Amino acid sequence: MLHPSARYWQEVRSICDRYGVVLVCDDVICAFGRLGTWFGAQKYDFVPDIITCAKGITAGYARWAP
């Protein structure tokens, strides 16, 4: 498994701040304790603007009934 360097996400955060880009974390796979923290951003010590996690809430499926 590949991991980012220790300062990778802090540098991404500073670049986004510098240029006014929204940093979105897609925590579909790594959220809810799978990395030892509730969200991936906590493990890598940065604050995203938005966290998406819908698949984790719905268990990856949706029931459709006509």
N, C-alpha and C. Protein backbone atom coordinates (compact mmCIF):
# COMPACT_ATOMS: atom_id res chain seq x y z
N MET A 1 0.84 -1.18 0.00
CA MET A 1 0.00 0.00 0.00
C MET A 1 0.88 1.24 0.00
N LEU A 2 0.53 2.19 -0.83
CA LEU A 2 1.28 3.44 -0.90
C LEU A 2 0.66 4.48 0.02
N HIS A 3 1.50 5.22 0.70
CA HIS A 3 1.05 6.29 1.59
C HIS A 3 1.70 7.59 1.16
N PRO A 4 0.99 8.72 1.31
CA PRO A 4 1.61 10.01 0.98
C PRO A 4 2.69 10.36 1.99
N SER A 5 3.61 11.24 1.59
CA SER A 5 4.64 11.69 2.52
C SER A 5 3.99 12.45 3.68
N ALA A 6 4.74 12.67 4.72
CA ALA A 6 4.20 13.26 5.95
C ALA A 6 3.54 14.63 5.73
N ARG A 7 4.06 15.43 4.83
CA ARG A 7 3.53 16.79 4.62
C ARG A 7 2.69 16.93 3.34
N TYR A 8 2.41 15.86 2.66
CA TYR A 8 1.71 15.92 1.37
C TYR A 8 0.38 16.67 1.47
N TRP A 9 -0.50 16.25 2.36
CA TRP A 9 -1.83 16.85 2.44
C TRP A 9 -1.80 18.28 2.96
N GLN A 10 -0.83 18.60 3.81
CA GLN A 10 -0.70 20.00 4.25
C GLN A 10 -0.30 20.89 3.08
N GLU A 11 0.56 20.37 2.19
CA GLU A 11 0.95 21.14 1.01
C GLU A 11 -0.23 21.28 0.04
N VAL A 12 -1.00 20.23 -0.16
CA VAL A 12 -2.19 20.31 -1.01
C VAL A 12 -3.15 21.35 -0.44
N ARG A 13 -3.35 21.33 0.88
CA ARG A 13 -4.23 22.30 1.54
C ARG A 13 -3.75 23.72 1.30
N SER A 14 -2.44 23.96 1.44
CA SER A 14 -1.92 25.32 1.26
C SER A 14 -2.04 25.78 -0.20
N ILE A 15 -1.85 24.87 -1.15
CA ILE A 15 -2.02 25.22 -2.57
C ILE A 15 -3.48 25.57 -2.85
N CYS A 16 -4.41 24.79 -2.31
CA CYS A 16 -5.84 25.09 -2.49
C CYS A 16 -6.19 26.45 -1.90
N ASP A 17 -5.66 26.74 -0.71
CA ASP A 17 -5.92 28.04 -0.08
C ASP A 17 -5.34 29.18 -0.91
N ARG A 18 -4.16 28.99 -1.42
CA ARG A 18 -3.48 30.03 -2.19
C ARG A 18 -4.25 30.39 -3.46
N TYR A 19 -4.83 29.40 -4.12
CA TYR A 19 -5.50 29.64 -5.39
C TYR A 19 -7.02 29.62 -5.31
N GLY A 20 -7.57 29.53 -4.12
CA GLY A 20 -9.02 29.56 -3.95
C GLY A 20 -9.73 28.32 -4.44
N VAL A 21 -9.07 27.17 -4.33
CA VAL A 21 -9.65 25.91 -4.78
C VAL A 21 -10.26 25.18 -3.59
N VAL A 22 -11.42 24.61 -3.78
CA VAL A 22 -12.09 23.86 -2.72
C VAL A 22 -11.47 22.47 -2.64
N LEU A 23 -11.05 22.07 -1.44
CA LEU A 23 -10.47 20.75 -1.22
C LEU A 23 -11.57 19.81 -0.74
N VAL A 24 -11.89 18.82 -1.57
CA VAL A 24 -12.96 17.87 -1.27
C VAL A 24 -12.33 16.52 -0.96
N CYS A 25 -12.68 15.94 0.17
CA CYS A 25 -12.22 14.60 0.53
C CYS A 25 -13.35 13.61 0.30
N ASP A 26 -13.05 12.61 -0.49
CA ASP A 26 -14.03 11.57 -0.77
C ASP A 26 -13.74 10.40 0.18
N ASP A 27 -14.42 10.39 1.31
CA ASP A 27 -14.18 9.37 2.33
C ASP A 27 -15.11 8.17 2.17
N VAL A 28 -15.40 7.82 0.94
CA VAL A 28 -16.27 6.67 0.69
C VAL A 28 -15.60 5.38 1.17
N ILE A 29 -14.30 5.26 0.97
CA ILE A 29 -13.60 4.02 1.31
C ILE A 29 -12.87 4.11 2.65
N CYS A 30 -12.33 5.28 3.00
CA CYS A 30 -11.46 5.33 4.19
C CYS A 30 -12.12 5.96 5.42
N ALA A 31 -13.41 6.20 5.39
CA ALA A 31 -14.06 6.84 6.54
C ALA A 31 -14.57 5.83 7.55
N PHE A 32 -15.09 6.36 8.61
CA PHE A 32 -15.77 5.59 9.65
C PHE A 32 -14.86 4.57 10.34
N GLY A 33 -13.65 5.01 10.65
CA GLY A 33 -12.76 4.19 11.46
C GLY A 33 -11.90 3.20 10.70
N ARG A 34 -12.00 3.13 9.41
CA ARG A 34 -11.21 2.14 8.66
C ARG A 34 -9.73 2.43 8.69
N LEU A 35 -9.34 3.68 8.93
CA LEU A 35 -7.92 4.05 9.04
C LEU A 35 -7.51 4.28 10.49
N GLY A 36 -8.41 4.01 11.42
CA GLY A 36 -8.11 4.25 12.83
C GLY A 36 -8.64 5.59 13.33
N THR A 37 -9.18 6.40 12.43
CA THR A 37 -9.81 7.68 12.79
C THR A 37 -11.16 7.71 12.07
N TRP A 38 -12.02 8.64 12.47
CA TRP A 38 -13.34 8.69 11.84
C TRP A 38 -13.26 9.05 10.37
N PHE A 39 -12.33 9.93 10.00
CA PHE A 39 -12.19 10.34 8.60
C PHE A 39 -10.73 10.34 8.20
N GLY A 40 -10.47 10.17 6.91
CA GLY A 40 -9.10 10.13 6.41
C GLY A 40 -8.32 11.40 6.69
N ALA A 41 -8.99 12.55 6.63
CA ALA A 41 -8.31 13.82 6.88
C ALA A 41 -7.75 13.89 8.31
N GLN A 42 -8.42 13.26 9.25
CA GLN A 42 -7.91 13.25 10.62
C GLN A 42 -6.60 12.47 10.70
N LYS A 43 -6.52 11.36 10.01
CA LYS A 43 -5.30 10.56 10.04
C LYS A 43 -4.13 11.33 9.46
N TYR A 44 -4.38 12.07 8.37
CA TYR A 44 -3.31 12.80 7.70
C TYR A 44 -3.21 14.26 8.14
N ASP A 45 -3.97 14.64 9.17
CA ASP A 45 -3.84 15.93 9.85
C ASP A 45 -4.02 17.14 8.93
N PHE A 46 -5.16 17.21 8.24
CA PHE A 46 -5.51 18.40 7.49
C PHE A 46 -7.03 18.57 7.55
N VAL A 47 -7.49 19.75 7.19
CA VAL A 47 -8.92 20.06 7.25
C VAL A 47 -9.44 20.32 5.85
N PRO A 48 -10.29 19.45 5.32
CA PRO A 48 -10.86 19.69 4.00
C PRO A 48 -12.01 20.69 4.08
N ASP A 49 -12.39 21.24 2.94
CA ASP A 49 -13.55 22.12 2.89
C ASP A 49 -14.85 21.31 2.89
N ILE A 50 -14.83 20.16 2.23
CA ILE A 50 -16.01 19.30 2.13
C ILE A 50 -15.56 17.85 2.29
N ILE A 51 -16.36 17.08 3.01
CA ILE A 51 -16.15 15.63 3.10
C ILE A 51 -17.38 14.95 2.54
N THR A 52 -17.18 14.05 1.58
CA THR A 52 -18.29 13.24 1.07
C THR A 52 -18.16 11.84 1.65
N CYS A 53 -19.30 11.27 2.00
CA CYS A 53 -19.25 9.93 2.60
C CYS A 53 -20.56 9.19 2.42
N ALA A 54 -21.28 9.49 1.37
CA ALA A 54 -22.62 8.92 1.19
C ALA A 54 -22.62 7.40 1.12
N LYS A 55 -21.67 6.82 0.42
CA LYS A 55 -21.67 5.36 0.28
C LYS A 55 -21.49 4.69 1.65
N GLY A 56 -20.69 5.28 2.51
CA GLY A 56 -20.51 4.72 3.85
C GLY A 56 -21.77 4.77 4.68
N ILE A 57 -22.59 5.77 4.46
CA ILE A 57 -23.84 5.89 5.21
C ILE A 57 -24.88 4.90 4.68
N THR A 58 -24.90 4.68 3.37
CA THR A 58 -25.91 3.79 2.79
C THR A 58 -25.42 2.36 2.65
N ALA A 59 -24.24 2.04 3.14
CA ALA A 59 -23.64 0.71 3.06
C ALA A 59 -23.36 0.31 1.60
N GLY A 60 -23.28 1.28 0.71
CA GLY A 60 -22.90 1.01 -0.66
C GLY A 60 -24.02 0.54 -1.58
N TYR A 61 -25.23 0.56 -1.11
CA TYR A 61 -26.34 0.15 -1.96
C TYR A 61 -27.55 1.03 -1.67
N ALA A 62 -28.45 1.03 -2.61
CA ALA A 62 -29.70 1.76 -2.42
C ALA A 62 -30.85 0.87 -2.89
N ARG A 63 -31.92 0.91 -2.20
CA ARG A 63 -33.07 0.11 -2.61
C ARG A 63 -34.02 1.01 -3.37
N TRP A 64 -34.40 0.57 -4.53
CA TRP A 64 -35.35 1.31 -5.33
C TRP A 64 -36.60 0.46 -5.47
N ALA A 65 -37.71 1.03 -5.14
CA ALA A 65 -38.98 0.32 -5.26
C ALA A 65 -39.93 1.17 -6.09
N PRO A 66 -40.49 0.60 -7.14
CA PRO A 66 -41.41 1.37 -8.00
C PRO A 66 -42.71 1.71 -7.29
